[in-house]
Protein backbone atom coordinates (compact mmCIF):
# COMPACT_ATOMS: atom_id res chain seq x y z
CA MET A 1 107.73 114.30 129.90
CA ARG A 2 111.12 115.35 130.58
CA GLU A 3 112.26 111.66 130.63
CA SER A 4 110.56 110.91 127.46
CA ARG A 5 112.28 113.85 125.85
CA SER A 6 115.45 112.57 126.99
CA ARG A 7 114.93 109.14 125.66
CA LEU A 8 113.90 110.45 122.21
CA LEU A 9 117.01 112.52 121.98
CA ASN A 10 119.53 110.02 123.22
CA ALA A 11 118.20 106.79 121.68
CA ARG A 12 120.64 104.84 119.69
CA ASP A 13 118.38 102.36 117.64
CA PHE A 14 115.19 104.28 117.74
CA LEU A 15 116.12 107.89 117.79
CA GLY A 16 113.19 110.32 117.77
CA GLN A 17 110.61 107.36 117.93
CA SER A 18 107.91 106.68 120.28
CA LEU A 19 106.09 103.44 121.14
CA VAL A 20 102.34 103.44 122.26
CA VAL A 21 101.14 100.07 123.83
CA ILE A 22 97.38 99.60 124.13
CA HIS A 23 96.50 96.45 126.20
CA GLY A 24 93.47 94.18 125.77
CA TYR A 25 90.58 92.69 127.45
CA ASN A 26 91.09 91.48 131.13
CA VAL A 27 94.37 93.10 131.90
CA PRO A 28 94.65 94.86 135.18
CA PHE A 29 96.61 98.16 135.38
CA ASP A 30 99.61 96.70 137.11
CA ASP A 31 99.84 93.69 134.52
CA ALA A 32 99.51 96.18 131.85
CA VAL A 33 102.33 98.25 133.01
CA LYS A 34 104.51 95.17 133.32
CA ARG A 35 103.66 93.92 130.11
CA ALA A 36 104.31 97.34 128.29
CA GLY A 37 107.66 97.44 130.18
CA GLN A 38 108.50 93.85 129.13
CA ILE A 39 107.60 94.43 125.52
CA ALA A 40 109.89 97.47 125.38
CA LEU A 41 112.63 95.56 126.95
CA ASP A 42 112.29 92.58 124.76
CA LEU A 43 112.20 94.85 121.67
CA LYS A 44 115.25 96.68 122.94
CA PHE A 45 113.17 99.87 122.19
CA ASP A 46 115.19 102.91 123.55
CA GLY A 47 113.00 105.57 122.40
CA SER A 48 110.07 106.94 124.59
CA VAL A 49 107.52 104.27 125.61
CA PHE A 50 103.85 105.11 126.63
CA LEU A 51 101.13 102.70 127.94
CA PHE A 52 97.55 103.58 127.43
CA SER A 53 95.50 101.67 129.95
CA TRP A 54 91.62 101.46 129.87
CA PRO A 55 89.38 100.22 132.62
CA THR A 56 88.73 96.71 131.64
CA LYS A 57 86.60 94.69 134.09
CA GLY A 58 87.42 91.25 132.82
CA GLY A 59 85.80 88.05 133.95
CA THR A 60 82.51 87.49 132.28
CA ALA A 61 82.01 91.10 131.53
CA TYR A 62 83.18 90.90 127.68
CA PHE A 63 80.43 93.11 126.11
CA GLY A 64 80.57 95.63 128.91
CA ASP A 65 84.32 95.70 128.36
CA ARG A 66 83.64 96.34 124.76
CA ASP A 67 81.58 99.34 125.58
CA LEU A 68 84.49 100.51 127.91
CA ALA A 69 86.84 100.09 125.24
CA GLN A 70 84.76 102.32 122.72
CA ALA A 71 84.21 104.81 125.56
CA SER A 72 88.01 105.01 126.24
CA GLY A 73 88.74 106.02 122.56
CA PRO A 74 88.46 109.84 123.29
CA ALA A 75 91.02 109.44 126.13
CA LEU A 76 93.53 107.80 123.73
CA ARG A 77 92.70 110.32 121.14
CA ASP A 78 93.73 112.99 123.60
CA LEU A 79 97.03 111.30 124.16
CA LEU A 80 97.73 111.04 120.44
CA ASP A 81 96.65 114.49 119.99
CA GLY A 82 99.09 115.64 122.62
CA MET A 83 101.91 113.82 120.97
CA ILE A 84 101.52 115.85 117.92
CA ARG A 85 103.18 118.56 119.91
CA SER A 86 106.03 116.45 121.12
CA ILE A 87 109.39 116.12 119.35
CA ALA A 88 108.91 112.53 118.21
CA LYS A 89 109.55 112.18 114.68
CA ARG A 90 107.73 108.80 114.38
CA ILE A 91 105.00 107.20 116.54
CA ASN A 92 104.62 103.39 116.49
CA VAL A 93 101.62 101.70 117.99
CA ILE A 94 101.01 98.18 119.33
CA ALA A 95 97.39 97.29 120.10
CA HIS A 96 96.36 93.93 121.52
CA SER A 97 92.91 92.27 121.48
CA MET A 98 90.22 94.52 122.39
CA GLY A 99 92.88 97.42 122.56
CA ASN A 100 92.14 97.52 118.74
CA VAL A 101 88.63 98.74 119.63
CA VAL A 102 90.12 101.66 121.68
CA LEU A 103 92.63 102.48 118.84
CA HIS A 104 89.78 102.35 116.08
CA THR A 105 87.49 104.72 118.26
CA ALA A 106 90.38 107.20 118.72
CA LEU A 107 91.37 107.47 115.14
CA GLU A 108 87.81 107.74 114.00
CA GLY A 109 87.65 111.04 116.02
CA LEU A 110 90.69 112.54 114.40
CA SER A 111 90.76 114.45 111.26
CA ALA A 112 92.88 113.25 108.45
CA GLU A 113 95.01 116.28 108.92
CA ARG A 114 95.59 115.41 112.71
CA ILE A 115 96.39 111.89 111.66
CA ALA A 116 99.01 113.08 109.29
CA SER A 117 100.44 115.36 111.88
CA LEU A 118 101.07 112.28 114.11
CA ASN A 119 103.65 110.67 111.76
CA ILE A 120 102.44 107.27 112.75
CA GLY A 121 105.00 104.79 111.43
CA GLU A 122 104.24 100.86 112.25
CA VAL A 123 100.83 99.93 113.52
CA ILE A 124 101.02 96.50 114.96
CA LEU A 125 97.59 94.73 115.44
CA ALA A 126 98.06 91.76 117.71
CA ALA A 127 95.31 89.29 117.87
CA PRO A 128 92.83 92.07 117.06
CA ASP A 129 89.43 91.59 118.48
CA LEU A 130 88.05 93.90 115.89
CA ASP A 131 85.48 93.22 113.11
CA ALA A 132 86.83 93.25 109.52
CA ALA A 133 84.73 96.43 108.37
CA LEU A 134 86.19 98.51 111.33
CA LEU A 135 89.76 97.30 110.80
CA GLU A 136 89.49 98.11 107.07
CA ASN A 137 88.13 101.58 107.91
CA MET A 138 90.72 102.30 110.27
CA VAL A 139 93.65 100.93 108.23
CA ASP A 140 92.54 102.94 105.04
CA ARG A 141 92.66 106.23 107.04
CA LEU A 142 96.18 105.28 108.34
CA GLN A 143 97.55 104.28 104.92
CA HIS A 144 96.61 107.48 103.32
CA ARG A 145 98.85 109.22 105.85
CA GLY A 146 101.83 106.85 105.33
CA ALA A 147 101.37 104.52 108.13
CA LYS A 148 102.00 100.75 107.69
CA ALA A 149 99.89 97.98 109.45
CA THR A 150 100.66 94.45 110.39
CA VAL A 151 98.17 91.83 111.80
CA TYR A 152 99.41 88.91 113.88
CA ALA A 153 96.55 86.22 113.73
CA ALA A 154 96.02 82.56 114.67
CA SER A 155 93.55 79.92 114.34
CA ASN A 156 94.08 78.53 117.80
CA ASP A 157 93.53 81.86 119.80
CA MET A 158 90.98 80.36 122.30
CA ALA A 159 90.16 83.93 123.54
CA LEU A 160 88.96 85.11 120.05
CA VAL A 161 87.22 81.69 119.58
CA ALA A 162 85.09 82.52 122.61
CA ALA A 163 84.73 86.18 121.34
CA GLN A 164 83.41 84.77 117.84
CA LEU A 165 80.95 82.71 119.75
CA GLY A 166 79.72 85.48 121.85
CA LYS A 167 79.36 87.91 118.90
CA GLY A 168 78.49 85.78 116.03
CA ARG A 169 81.15 87.44 113.96
CA THR A 170 84.71 86.29 113.40
CA PRO A 171 87.29 88.88 114.80
CA VAL A 172 90.33 89.60 112.32
CA GLY A 173 92.70 88.01 114.68
CA LEU A 174 91.10 84.63 114.45
CA ILE A 175 91.74 82.86 111.25
CA SER A 176 90.29 79.55 109.92
CA GLU A 177 92.11 76.22 109.65
CA ASP A 178 90.07 75.34 106.58
CA GLN A 179 90.30 78.41 104.43
CA PRO A 180 92.68 81.33 103.62
CA PRO A 181 92.30 84.34 105.90
CA LYS A 182 90.54 87.60 105.01
CA LEU A 183 93.03 89.99 103.54
CA PHE A 184 93.10 93.74 103.41
CA PRO A 185 94.89 95.79 100.86
CA GLY A 186 98.15 97.17 102.20
CA VAL A 187 97.95 95.11 105.34
CA ASP A 188 100.47 92.40 105.93
CA LEU A 189 98.75 89.36 107.61
CA ILE A 190 101.23 86.97 109.61
CA ASP A 191 99.71 83.55 110.75
CA VAL A 192 101.39 82.71 114.12
CA THR A 193 99.33 79.63 114.81
CA ALA A 194 102.39 77.31 114.75
CA LEU A 195 103.94 79.14 117.56
CA GLY A 196 101.09 78.36 119.93
CA GLY A 197 99.99 75.20 121.66
CA TRP A 198 98.22 73.61 124.44
CA PRO A 199 97.48 74.51 127.15
CA SER A 200 98.16 78.09 126.30
CA MET A 201 95.16 80.32 125.34
CA ASN A 202 97.51 81.46 122.57
CA HIS A 203 96.05 85.01 122.88
CA SER A 204 99.29 86.71 123.76
CA LEU A 205 101.69 85.10 121.38
CA TYR A 206 102.81 88.57 120.26
CA ALA A 207 104.63 89.21 123.55
CA ASP A 208 105.18 85.65 124.57
CA GLN A 209 107.21 84.32 121.69
CA LYS A 210 110.67 85.46 120.93
CA GLU A 211 110.26 84.78 117.05
CA ILE A 212 107.25 87.44 116.93
CA ILE A 213 109.04 89.74 119.21
CA ALA A 214 112.16 89.59 116.89
CA ASP A 215 109.99 90.29 113.83
CA ILE A 216 108.24 93.35 115.45
CA ARG A 217 111.62 94.79 116.32
CA ARG A 218 112.98 94.40 112.77
CA LEU A 219 109.72 95.70 111.48
CA ILE A 220 109.81 98.92 113.48
CA LEU A 221 113.62 99.26 112.98
CA GLN A 222 113.80 98.51 109.27
CA GLY A 223 110.33 98.74 107.95
CA LEU A 224 111.34 95.97 105.42
CA ARG A 225 108.72 94.48 103.36
CA PRO A 226 107.43 91.91 102.19
CA ALA A 227 107.59 90.00 105.56
CA ASP A 228 109.62 87.05 104.19
CA LEU A 229 112.51 89.59 103.40
CA ARG A 230 112.74 90.08 107.15
CA THR A 231 113.21 86.49 108.31
CA LYS A 232 113.37 83.19 106.65
CA GLU A 233 111.01 81.91 109.52
CA LEU A 234 108.08 83.33 107.45
CA LYS A 235 106.61 81.47 104.44
CA ARG A 236 104.84 83.38 101.91
CA ILE A 237 101.29 82.03 101.12
CA ASP A 238 99.76 83.16 97.80
CA THR A 239 96.02 82.98 97.37
CA GLU A 240 93.50 84.27 94.83
CA ALA A 241 92.74 87.36 97.25
CA GLY A 242 96.34 88.17 97.75
CA SER A 243 99.45 87.03 99.83
CA TYR A 244 99.96 86.53 103.56
CA TRP A 245 102.76 84.84 105.58
CA ARG A 246 102.87 81.92 107.98
CA TYR A 247 105.32 80.65 110.54
CA GLU A 248 106.30 77.09 109.77
CA LEU A 249 106.87 75.05 112.95
CA PRO A 250 109.23 72.40 111.50
CA ALA A 251 111.58 75.14 110.23
CA LEU A 252 111.58 76.88 113.64
CA ARG A 253 112.42 74.03 115.73
CA LYS A 254 115.36 72.58 113.74
């Protein structure tokens, strides 16, 4: 914790801020450590960085992993609860894939007062393998305490396509090519489909594509909204249910 305190006090860009990274399904511990470190490096995040790793089995154990993700929620809750007593002025969270299940379970067990004490800033939900009702419940609790949520979703995320087939329900991180995505009040949804492509599974675009990394950095650093004010790479799409944003491939590749 001494090193964490030092980074909090000596950061130049993210003074007093922490970042908690929660990995997704089928990510071994060593890979999760490398990924969290790479994310922090790419974001140039000079505050304190924490990885929460949970025991995913991977392979064909998808539903067993979901049970493990839910069972890991109390451990993440303990970590977050401990951070209340830290000197961090702001805690940002990046949850990927099934890591959103862990995050939801952890927050579900915290009182509104404890969530308020966390001073959560930006909550990045990358390719969330989470049902709409659960995400809506989680975000509603966070927003009442000042946190801001952003979902990065795609229509060509093959891991979430498989999850949809297995569950019979559509995860929030998977959007349709034929109709507007489901939108949630106060949640910015960003369609990153154009940044993916064959033969990638397109499930880790949030960490693999420089455009998204740059947007996450601006988001945490500036908190500027709506999303198209942060970068011209995002196009605002207006629907009857509200607005979301989309990366447009031609504009990016000029």
